[in-house]
All heavy atoms as atom14 arrays in JSON, in Angstrom:
{
  "sequence": "KQIQLGAAEENISGDGTDITFAVGSGGDINLPSNIGLTFGDDGEK",
  "atom14_mask": [
    [1, 1, 1, 1, 1, 1, 1, 1, 1, 0, 0, 0, 0, 0],
    [1, 1, 1, 1, 1, 1, 1, 1, 1, 0, 0, 0, 0, 0],
    [1, 1, 1, 1, 1, 1, 1, 1, 0, 0, 0, 0, 0, 0],
    [1, 1, 1, 1, 1, 1, 1, 1, 1, 0, 0, 0, 0, 0],
    [1, 1, 1, 1, 1, 1, 1, 1, 0, 0, 0, 0, 0, 0],
    [1, 1, 1, 1, 0, 0, 0, 0, 0, 0, 0, 0, 0, 0],
    [1, 1, 1, 1, 1, 0, 0, 0, 0, 0, 0, 0, 0, 0],
    [1, 1, 1, 1, 1, 0, 0, 0, 0, 0, 0, 0, 0, 0],
    [1, 1, 1, 1, 1, 1, 1, 1, 1, 0, 0, 0, 0, 0],
    [1, 1, 1, 1, 1, 1, 1, 1, 1, 0, 0, 0, 0, 0],
    [1, 1, 1, 1, 1, 1, 1, 1, 0, 0, 0, 0, 0, 0],
    [1, 1, 1, 1, 1, 1, 1, 1, 0, 0, 0, 0, 0, 0],
    [1, 1, 1, 1, 1, 1, 0, 0, 0, 0, 0, 0, 0, 0],
    [1, 1, 1, 1, 0, 0, 0, 0, 0, 0, 0, 0, 0, 0],
    [1, 1, 1, 1, 1, 1, 1, 1, 0, 0, 0, 0, 0, 0],
    [1, 1, 1, 1, 0, 0, 0, 0, 0, 0, 0, 0, 0, 0],
    [1, 1, 1, 1, 1, 1, 1, 0, 0, 0, 0, 0, 0, 0],
    [1, 1, 1, 1, 1, 1, 1, 1, 0, 0, 0, 0, 0, 0],
    [1, 1, 1, 1, 1, 1, 1, 1, 0, 0, 0, 0, 0, 0],
    [1, 1, 1, 1, 1, 1, 1, 0, 0, 0, 0, 0, 0, 0],
    [1, 1, 1, 1, 1, 1, 1, 1, 1, 1, 1, 0, 0, 0],
    [1, 1, 1, 1, 1, 0, 0, 0, 0, 0, 0, 0, 0, 0],
    [1, 1, 1, 1, 1, 1, 1, 0, 0, 0, 0, 0, 0, 0],
    [1, 1, 1, 1, 0, 0, 0, 0, 0, 0, 0, 0, 0, 0],
    [1, 1, 1, 1, 1, 1, 0, 0, 0, 0, 0, 0, 0, 0],
    [1, 1, 1, 1, 0, 0, 0, 0, 0, 0, 0, 0, 0, 0],
    [1, 1, 1, 1, 0, 0, 0, 0, 0, 0, 0, 0, 0, 0],
    [1, 1, 1, 1, 1, 1, 1, 1, 0, 0, 0, 0, 0, 0],
    [1, 1, 1, 1, 1, 1, 1, 1, 0, 0, 0, 0, 0, 0],
    [1, 1, 1, 1, 1, 1, 1, 1, 0, 0, 0, 0, 0, 0],
    [1, 1, 1, 1, 1, 1, 1, 1, 0, 0, 0, 0, 0, 0],
    [1, 1, 1, 1, 1, 1, 1, 0, 0, 0, 0, 0, 0, 0],
    [1, 1, 1, 1, 1, 1, 0, 0, 0, 0, 0, 0, 0, 0],
    [1, 1, 1, 1, 1, 1, 1, 1, 0, 0, 0, 0, 0, 0],
    [1, 1, 1, 1, 1, 1, 1, 1, 0, 0, 0, 0, 0, 0],
    [1, 1, 1, 1, 0, 0, 0, 0, 0, 0, 0, 0, 0, 0],
    [1, 1, 1, 1, 1, 1, 1, 1, 0, 0, 0, 0, 0, 0],
    [1, 1, 1, 1, 1, 1, 1, 0, 0, 0, 0, 0, 0, 0],
    [1, 1, 1, 1, 1, 1, 1, 1, 1, 1, 1, 0, 0, 0],
    [1, 1, 1, 1, 0, 0, 0, 0, 0, 0, 0, 0, 0, 0],
    [1, 1, 1, 1, 1, 1, 1, 1, 0, 0, 0, 0, 0, 0],
    [1, 1, 1, 1, 1, 1, 1, 1, 0, 0, 0, 0, 0, 0],
    [1, 1, 1, 1, 0, 0, 0, 0, 0, 0, 0, 0, 0, 0],
    [1, 1, 1, 1, 1, 1, 1, 1, 1, 0, 0, 0, 0, 0],
    [1, 1, 1, 1, 1, 1, 1, 1, 1, 0, 0, 0, 0, 0]
  ],
  "atom14_positions": [
    [[0.82, -1.22, 0.01], [-0.02, -0.02, 0.0], [0.9, 1.28, 0.01], [2.1, 1.17, 0.2], [-0.94, 0.05, 1.24], [-1.88, -1.21, 1.32], [-2.81, -1.2, 0.12], [-3.74, -2.44, 0.26], [-4.58, -2.58, -0.94], [0.0, 0.0, 0.0], [0.0, 0.0, 0.0], [0.0, 0.0, 0.0], [0.0, 0.0, 0.0], [0.0, 0.0, 0.0]],
    [[0.3, 2.4, -0.27], [1.09, 3.64, -0.4], [0.54, 4.76, 0.48], [-0.63, 4.75, 0.82], [0.97, 4.2, -1.84], [1.48, 3.29, -2.89], [1.16, 3.83, -4.29], [0.51, 4.81, -4.46], [1.8, 3.27, -5.29], [0.0, 0.0, 0.0], [0.0, 0.0, 0.0], [0.0, 0.0, 0.0], [0.0, 0.0, 0.0], [0.0, 0.0, 0.0]],
    [[1.48, 5.61, 0.87], [1.14, 6.9, 1.47], [1.31, 7.88, 0.34], [2.41, 8.02, -0.19], [2.0, 7.29, 2.63], [1.86, 6.25, 3.77], [1.64, 8.72, 3.12], [2.84, 6.5, 4.91], [0.0, 0.0, 0.0], [0.0, 0.0, 0.0], [0.0, 0.0, 0.0], [0.0, 0.0, 0.0], [0.0, 0.0, 0.0], [0.0, 0.0, 0.0]],
    [[0.2, 8.5, -0.15], [0.28, 9.39, -1.26], [0.46, 10.8, -0.8], [-0.3, 11.31, 0.09], [-0.98, 9.23, -2.13], [-1.03, 7.84, -2.8], [-2.19, 7.72, -3.7], [-3.14, 8.44, -3.71], [-2.16, 6.64, -4.52], [0.0, 0.0, 0.0], [0.0, 0.0, 0.0], [0.0, 0.0, 0.0], [0.0, 0.0, 0.0], [0.0, 0.0, 0.0]],
    [[1.34, 11.55, -1.46], [1.59, 12.96, -1.14], [1.35, 13.8, -2.41], [1.95, 13.55, -3.44], [3.05, 13.13, -0.68], [3.55, 12.17, 0.43], [5.07, 12.17, 0.51], [2.87, 12.53, 1.71], [0.0, 0.0, 0.0], [0.0, 0.0, 0.0], [0.0, 0.0, 0.0], [0.0, 0.0, 0.0], [0.0, 0.0, 0.0], [0.0, 0.0, 0.0]],
    [[0.49, 14.79, -2.31], [0.21, 15.56, -3.51], [-0.46, 14.78, -4.57], [-1.47, 14.06, -4.28], [0.0, 0.0, 0.0], [0.0, 0.0, 0.0], [0.0, 0.0, 0.0], [0.0, 0.0, 0.0], [0.0, 0.0, 0.0], [0.0, 0.0, 0.0], [0.0, 0.0, 0.0], [0.0, 0.0, 0.0], [0.0, 0.0, 0.0], [0.0, 0.0, 0.0]],
    [[0.12, 14.68, -5.7], [-0.42, 13.9, -6.83], [-0.14, 12.43, -6.51], [0.71, 12.02, -5.73], [0.38, 14.3, -8.13], [0.0, 0.0, 0.0], [0.0, 0.0, 0.0], [0.0, 0.0, 0.0], [0.0, 0.0, 0.0], [0.0, 0.0, 0.0], [0.0, 0.0, 0.0], [0.0, 0.0, 0.0], [0.0, 0.0, 0.0], [0.0, 0.0, 0.0]],
    [[-0.94, 11.56, -7.09], [-0.87, 10.13, -6.88], [0.56, 9.51, -7.16], [0.95, 8.53, -6.57], [-1.87, 9.41, -7.63], [0.0, 0.0, 0.0], [0.0, 0.0, 0.0], [0.0, 0.0, 0.0], [0.0, 0.0, 0.0], [0.0, 0.0, 0.0], [0.0, 0.0, 0.0], [0.0, 0.0, 0.0], [0.0, 0.0, 0.0], [0.0, 0.0, 0.0]],
    [[1.27, 10.18, -8.08], [2.62, 9.55, -8.39], [3.64, 9.9, -7.37], [4.82, 9.38, -7.42], [3.04, 10.02, -9.83], [3.32, 11.47, -9.99], [2.14, 12.34, -10.43], [1.02, 11.78, -10.56], [2.31, 13.45, -10.69], [0.0, 0.0, 0.0], [0.0, 0.0, 0.0], [0.0, 0.0, 0.0], [0.0, 0.0, 0.0], [0.0, 0.0, 0.0]],
    [[3.39, 10.8, -6.4], [4.29, 11.07, -5.37], [3.84, 10.27, -4.11], [2.82, 10.46, -3.53], [4.25, 12.55, -4.96], [4.67, 13.44, -6.1], [4.44, 14.91, -5.88], [3.54, 15.24, -5.07], [5.01, 15.7, -6.62], [0.0, 0.0, 0.0], [0.0, 0.0, 0.0], [0.0, 0.0, 0.0], [0.0, 0.0, 0.0], [0.0, 0.0, 0.0]],
    [[4.62, 9.19, -3.75], [4.22, 8.37, -2.69], [5.39, 7.66, -2.0], [6.52, 7.65, -2.52], [3.23, 7.25, -3.21], [3.87, 6.37, -4.26], [4.75, 5.48, -3.88], [3.53, 6.55, -5.53], [0.0, 0.0, 0.0], [0.0, 0.0, 0.0], [0.0, 0.0, 0.0], [0.0, 0.0, 0.0], [0.0, 0.0, 0.0], [0.0, 0.0, 0.0]],
    [[5.1, 7.11, -0.83], [6.01, 6.31, -0.04], [5.3, 4.89, 0.07], [4.2, 4.89, 0.46], [6.3, 6.94, 1.27], [6.9, 8.35, 1.15], [7.24, 6.03, 2.1], [6.92, 9.08, 2.48], [0.0, 0.0, 0.0], [0.0, 0.0, 0.0], [0.0, 0.0, 0.0], [0.0, 0.0, 0.0], [0.0, 0.0, 0.0], [0.0, 0.0, 0.0]],
    [[6.12, 3.82, -0.15], [5.56, 2.54, 0.02], [6.7, 1.65, 0.42], [7.86, 1.85, 0.34], [4.94, 2.01, -1.35], [5.92, 1.94, -2.32], [0.0, 0.0, 0.0], [0.0, 0.0, 0.0], [0.0, 0.0, 0.0], [0.0, 0.0, 0.0], [0.0, 0.0, 0.0], [0.0, 0.0, 0.0], [0.0, 0.0, 0.0], [0.0, 0.0, 0.0]],
    [[6.28, 0.44, 0.97], [7.2, -0.58, 1.35], [6.67, -1.91, 1.12], [5.43, -2.18, 0.99], [0.0, 0.0, 0.0], [0.0, 0.0, 0.0], [0.0, 0.0, 0.0], [0.0, 0.0, 0.0], [0.0, 0.0, 0.0], [0.0, 0.0, 0.0], [0.0, 0.0, 0.0], [0.0, 0.0, 0.0], [0.0, 0.0, 0.0], [0.0, 0.0, 0.0]],
    [[7.52, -2.91, 1.01], [7.13, -4.27, 0.67], [7.63, -5.29, 1.78], [7.62, -6.49, 1.57], [7.61, -4.73, -0.65], [9.16, -4.8, -0.81], [9.82, -4.58, 0.2], [9.6, -5.03, -1.92], [0.0, 0.0, 0.0], [0.0, 0.0, 0.0], [0.0, 0.0, 0.0], [0.0, 0.0, 0.0], [0.0, 0.0, 0.0], [0.0, 0.0, 0.0]],
    [[8.05, -4.76, 2.91], [8.6, -5.6, 3.98], [10.13, -5.77, 3.93], [10.72, -6.21, 4.83], [0.0, 0.0, 0.0], [0.0, 0.0, 0.0], [0.0, 0.0, 0.0], [0.0, 0.0, 0.0], [0.0, 0.0, 0.0], [0.0, 0.0, 0.0], [0.0, 0.0, 0.0], [0.0, 0.0, 0.0], [0.0, 0.0, 0.0], [0.0, 0.0, 0.0]],
    [[10.72, -5.39, 2.8], [12.12, -5.43, 2.59], [12.75, -4.1, 2.22], [13.75, -3.61, 2.78], [12.55, -6.46, 1.5], [12.03, -7.74, 1.83], [14.02, -6.6, 1.37], [0.0, 0.0, 0.0], [0.0, 0.0, 0.0], [0.0, 0.0, 0.0], [0.0, 0.0, 0.0], [0.0, 0.0, 0.0], [0.0, 0.0, 0.0], [0.0, 0.0, 0.0]],
    [[12.08, -3.38, 1.31], [12.56, -2.16, 0.81], [11.53, -1.06, 1.03], [10.33, -1.32, 1.07], [12.8, -2.18, -0.75], [13.9, -3.2, -1.06], [14.95, -3.28, -0.4], [13.7, -3.96, -2.06], [0.0, 0.0, 0.0], [0.0, 0.0, 0.0], [0.0, 0.0, 0.0], [0.0, 0.0, 0.0], [0.0, 0.0, 0.0], [0.0, 0.0, 0.0]],
    [[11.98, 0.24, 1.15], [11.13, 1.36, 1.19], [11.31, 2.16, -0.13], [12.5, 2.41, -0.5], [11.46, 2.3, 2.37], [11.22, 1.56, 3.66], [10.62, 3.6, 2.33], [11.63, 2.3, 4.95], [0.0, 0.0, 0.0], [0.0, 0.0, 0.0], [0.0, 0.0, 0.0], [0.0, 0.0, 0.0], [0.0, 0.0, 0.0], [0.0, 0.0, 0.0]],
    [[10.26, 2.5, -0.81], [10.39, 3.21, -2.05], [9.8, 4.62, -1.9], [8.67, 4.74, -1.37], [9.59, 2.51, -3.12], [10.17, 1.21, -3.28], [9.66, 3.26, -4.5], [0.0, 0.0, 0.0], [0.0, 0.0, 0.0], [0.0, 0.0, 0.0], [0.0, 0.0, 0.0], [0.0, 0.0, 0.0], [0.0, 0.0, 0.0], [0.0, 0.0, 0.0]],
    [[10.52, 5.68, -2.27], [10.07, 7.02, -2.36], [9.93, 7.33, -3.86], [10.94, 7.34, -4.58], [11.17, 8.03, -1.81], [11.34, 7.79, -0.36], [12.32, 6.89, 0.13], [10.68, 8.53, 0.63], [12.52, 6.64, 1.52], [10.9, 8.39, 1.99], [11.82, 7.38, 2.41], [0.0, 0.0, 0.0], [0.0, 0.0, 0.0], [0.0, 0.0, 0.0]],
    [[8.67, 7.56, -4.28], [8.44, 7.78, -5.71], [7.98, 9.23, -5.93], [7.2, 9.76, -5.16], [7.38, 6.83, -6.25], [0.0, 0.0, 0.0], [0.0, 0.0, 0.0], [0.0, 0.0, 0.0], [0.0, 0.0, 0.0], [0.0, 0.0, 0.0], [0.0, 0.0, 0.0], [0.0, 0.0, 0.0], [0.0, 0.0, 0.0], [0.0, 0.0, 0.0]],
    [[8.45, 9.87, -7.04], [8.06, 11.22, -7.41], [7.64, 11.16, -8.82], [7.96, 10.26, -9.62], [9.1, 12.23, -7.16], [9.51, 12.32, -5.72], [10.39, 11.87, -7.99], [0.0, 0.0, 0.0], [0.0, 0.0, 0.0], [0.0, 0.0, 0.0], [0.0, 0.0, 0.0], [0.0, 0.0, 0.0], [0.0, 0.0, 0.0], [0.0, 0.0, 0.0]],
    [[6.92, 12.25, -9.29], [6.52, 12.31, -10.66], [7.64, 12.55, -11.63], [8.78, 12.73, -11.18], [0.0, 0.0, 0.0], [0.0, 0.0, 0.0], [0.0, 0.0, 0.0], [0.0, 0.0, 0.0], [0.0, 0.0, 0.0], [0.0, 0.0, 0.0], [0.0, 0.0, 0.0], [0.0, 0.0, 0.0], [0.0, 0.0, 0.0], [0.0, 0.0, 0.0]],
    [[7.36, 12.49, -12.89], [8.35, 12.69, -13.92], [9.11, 13.97, -13.74], [8.56, 15.02, -13.6], [7.67, 12.71, -15.31], [8.62, 12.89, -16.34], [0.0, 0.0, 0.0], [0.0, 0.0, 0.0], [0.0, 0.0, 0.0], [0.0, 0.0, 0.0], [0.0, 0.0, 0.0], [0.0, 0.0, 0.0], [0.0, 0.0, 0.0], [0.0, 0.0, 0.0]],
    [[10.45, 13.83, -13.67], [11.33, 15.01, -13.52], [11.42, 15.53, -12.07], [12.05, 16.5, -11.83], [0.0, 0.0, 0.0], [0.0, 0.0, 0.0], [0.0, 0.0, 0.0], [0.0, 0.0, 0.0], [0.0, 0.0, 0.0], [0.0, 0.0, 0.0], [0.0, 0.0, 0.0], [0.0, 0.0, 0.0], [0.0, 0.0, 0.0], [0.0, 0.0, 0.0]],
    [[10.84, 14.83, -11.15], [10.78, 15.26, -9.76], [12.07, 14.84, -9.02], [12.93, 14.11, -9.56], [0.0, 0.0, 0.0], [0.0, 0.0, 0.0], [0.0, 0.0, 0.0], [0.0, 0.0, 0.0], [0.0, 0.0, 0.0], [0.0, 0.0, 0.0], [0.0, 0.0, 0.0], [0.0, 0.0, 0.0], [0.0, 0.0, 0.0], [0.0, 0.0, 0.0]],
    [[12.28, 15.42, -7.86], [13.43, 15.13, -6.98], [12.94, 14.71, -5.65], [11.87, 15.18, -5.2], [14.31, 16.37, -6.91], [14.95, 16.71, -8.22], [15.46, 15.89, -8.92], [14.91, 17.95, -8.51], [0.0, 0.0, 0.0], [0.0, 0.0, 0.0], [0.0, 0.0, 0.0], [0.0, 0.0, 0.0], [0.0, 0.0, 0.0], [0.0, 0.0, 0.0]],
    [[13.78, 14.08, -4.9], [13.63, 13.9, -3.47], [14.63, 14.83, -2.84], [15.86, 14.64, -3.04], [13.91, 12.37, -3.03], [12.88, 11.52, -3.68], [13.86, 12.24, -1.55], [13.05, 10.01, -3.49], [0.0, 0.0, 0.0], [0.0, 0.0, 0.0], [0.0, 0.0, 0.0], [0.0, 0.0, 0.0], [0.0, 0.0, 0.0], [0.0, 0.0, 0.0]],
    [[14.2, 15.81, -2.09], [15.07, 16.84, -1.56], [15.25, 16.69, -0.07], [14.42, 16.41, 0.64], [14.47, 18.24, -1.83], [14.27, 18.43, -3.33], [15.23, 18.55, -4.04], [13.05, 18.71, -3.75], [0.0, 0.0, 0.0], [0.0, 0.0, 0.0], [0.0, 0.0, 0.0], [0.0, 0.0, 0.0], [0.0, 0.0, 0.0], [0.0, 0.0, 0.0]],
    [[16.56, 16.9, 0.34], [16.96, 16.96, 1.75], [17.39, 18.39, 1.93], [18.15, 18.89, 1.14], [18.11, 16.02, 2.12], [17.73, 14.53, 1.93], [19.06, 13.7, 2.11], [16.74, 14.08, 2.87], [0.0, 0.0, 0.0], [0.0, 0.0, 0.0], [0.0, 0.0, 0.0], [0.0, 0.0, 0.0], [0.0, 0.0, 0.0], [0.0, 0.0, 0.0]],
    [[17.01, 19.05, 3.06], [17.51, 20.42, 3.29], [19.06, 20.42, 3.41], [19.71, 19.4, 3.75], [16.83, 20.78, 4.62], [15.67, 19.84, 4.8], [16.15, 18.58, 4.09], [0.0, 0.0, 0.0], [0.0, 0.0, 0.0], [0.0, 0.0, 0.0], [0.0, 0.0, 0.0], [0.0, 0.0, 0.0], [0.0, 0.0, 0.0], [0.0, 0.0, 0.0]],
    [[19.63, 21.6, 3.35], [21.12, 21.78, 3.49], [21.51, 21.38, 4.88], [20.74, 21.51, 5.83], [21.6, 23.15, 3.36], [20.89, 24.02, 2.66], [0.0, 0.0, 0.0], [0.0, 0.0, 0.0], [0.0, 0.0, 0.0], [0.0, 0.0, 0.0], [0.0, 0.0, 0.0], [0.0, 0.0, 0.0], [0.0, 0.0, 0.0], [0.0, 0.0, 0.0]],
    [[22.7, 20.77, 4.96], [23.28, 20.37, 6.21], [22.5, 19.23, 6.93], [22.67, 19.03, 8.12], [23.48, 21.55, 7.21], [24.48, 22.57, 6.56], [25.45, 22.24, 6.07], [24.04, 23.81, 6.59], [0.0, 0.0, 0.0], [0.0, 0.0, 0.0], [0.0, 0.0, 0.0], [0.0, 0.0, 0.0], [0.0, 0.0, 0.0], [0.0, 0.0, 0.0]],
    [[21.73, 18.52, 6.17], [21.04, 17.24, 6.63], [21.68, 16.13, 5.88], [21.62, 16.11, 4.71], [19.54, 17.33, 6.42], [18.87, 18.5, 7.1], [18.87, 16.01, 6.86], [18.93, 18.49, 8.64], [0.0, 0.0, 0.0], [0.0, 0.0, 0.0], [0.0, 0.0, 0.0], [0.0, 0.0, 0.0], [0.0, 0.0, 0.0], [0.0, 0.0, 0.0]],
    [[22.31, 15.16, 6.6], [22.99, 14.13, 5.94], [22.14, 12.86, 5.74], [21.17, 12.71, 6.44], [0.0, 0.0, 0.0], [0.0, 0.0, 0.0], [0.0, 0.0, 0.0], [0.0, 0.0, 0.0], [0.0, 0.0, 0.0], [0.0, 0.0, 0.0], [0.0, 0.0, 0.0], [0.0, 0.0, 0.0], [0.0, 0.0, 0.0], [0.0, 0.0, 0.0]],
    [[22.48, 12.11, 4.75], [21.91, 10.78, 4.52], [22.98, 9.8, 5.08], [24.08, 9.73, 4.49], [21.69, 10.58, 3.04], [21.12, 9.2, 2.6], [19.78, 8.93, 3.23], [21.0, 9.22, 1.06], [0.0, 0.0, 0.0], [0.0, 0.0, 0.0], [0.0, 0.0, 0.0], [0.0, 0.0, 0.0], [0.0, 0.0, 0.0], [0.0, 0.0, 0.0]],
    [[22.67, 9.14, 6.16], [23.67, 8.26, 6.75], [23.35, 6.82, 6.51], [22.21, 6.36, 6.23], [23.72, 8.46, 8.29], [22.54, 8.19, 8.9], [24.12, 9.88, 8.66], [0.0, 0.0, 0.0], [0.0, 0.0, 0.0], [0.0, 0.0, 0.0], [0.0, 0.0, 0.0], [0.0, 0.0, 0.0], [0.0, 0.0, 0.0], [0.0, 0.0, 0.0]],
    [[24.42, 6.0, 6.54], [24.36, 4.52, 6.32], [24.91, 3.82, 7.5], [26.12, 3.91, 7.69], [25.12, 4.13, 5.05], [24.67, 4.9, 3.82], [25.15, 6.08, 3.42], [23.7, 4.32, 3.02], [24.68, 6.78, 2.31], [23.16, 4.99, 1.87], [23.73, 6.23, 1.57], [0.0, 0.0, 0.0], [0.0, 0.0, 0.0], [0.0, 0.0, 0.0]],
    [[24.09, 3.26, 8.34], [24.56, 2.56, 9.52], [24.8, 3.46, 10.66], [24.11, 3.4, 11.67], [0.0, 0.0, 0.0], [0.0, 0.0, 0.0], [0.0, 0.0, 0.0], [0.0, 0.0, 0.0], [0.0, 0.0, 0.0], [0.0, 0.0, 0.0], [0.0, 0.0, 0.0], [0.0, 0.0, 0.0], [0.0, 0.0, 0.0], [0.0, 0.0, 0.0]],
    [[25.73, 4.33, 10.55], [26.04, 5.31, 11.64], [26.63, 6.57, 10.96], [26.71, 6.62, 9.78], [26.99, 4.76, 12.7], [28.37, 4.36, 12.15], [28.85, 5.03, 11.18], [28.96, 3.38, 12.63], [0.0, 0.0, 0.0], [0.0, 0.0, 0.0], [0.0, 0.0, 0.0], [0.0, 0.0, 0.0], [0.0, 0.0, 0.0], [0.0, 0.0, 0.0]],
    [[27.0, 7.52, 11.73], [27.45, 8.77, 11.21], [28.77, 8.63, 10.47], [29.28, 9.6, 9.86], [27.55, 9.87, 12.38], [26.83, 11.14, 12.04], [26.04, 11.15, 11.13], [27.13, 12.1, 12.73], [0.0, 0.0, 0.0], [0.0, 0.0, 0.0], [0.0, 0.0, 0.0], [0.0, 0.0, 0.0], [0.0, 0.0, 0.0], [0.0, 0.0, 0.0]],
    [[29.43, 7.48, 10.55], [30.68, 7.3, 9.88], [30.59, 7.17, 8.39], [31.57, 7.35, 7.64], [0.0, 0.0, 0.0], [0.0, 0.0, 0.0], [0.0, 0.0, 0.0], [0.0, 0.0, 0.0], [0.0, 0.0, 0.0], [0.0, 0.0, 0.0], [0.0, 0.0, 0.0], [0.0, 0.0, 0.0], [0.0, 0.0, 0.0], [0.0, 0.0, 0.0]],
    [[29.41, 6.92, 7.87], [29.16, 6.79, 6.46], [28.06, 7.75, 6.09], [26.9, 7.52, 6.57], [28.75, 5.36, 6.07], [29.82, 4.35, 6.29], [29.42, 2.89, 6.0], [28.2, 2.71, 5.7], [30.26, 2.03, 6.02], [0.0, 0.0, 0.0], [0.0, 0.0, 0.0], [0.0, 0.0, 0.0], [0.0, 0.0, 0.0], [0.0, 0.0, 0.0]],
    [[28.32, 8.84, 5.44], [27.33, 9.89, 5.24], [27.52, 10.6, 3.86], [28.66, 10.76, 3.43], [27.47, 10.9, 6.34], [26.47, 12.01, 6.28], [26.71, 13.16, 7.3], [26.89, 12.79, 8.65], [26.87, 13.84, 9.62], [0.0, 0.0, 0.0], [0.0, 0.0, 0.0], [0.0, 0.0, 0.0], [0.0, 0.0, 0.0], [0.0, 0.0, 0.0]]
  ]
}
């Protein structure tokens, strides 16, 4: 199932293994400045 944001093509969904962030054609997933995407801990960012 999906959590829909704005238009139906913007959504968050999961299948028990992966989480998918989907956006419309030409869209982006944006993180604000100075906010990191970390992997495991702050040592991988």
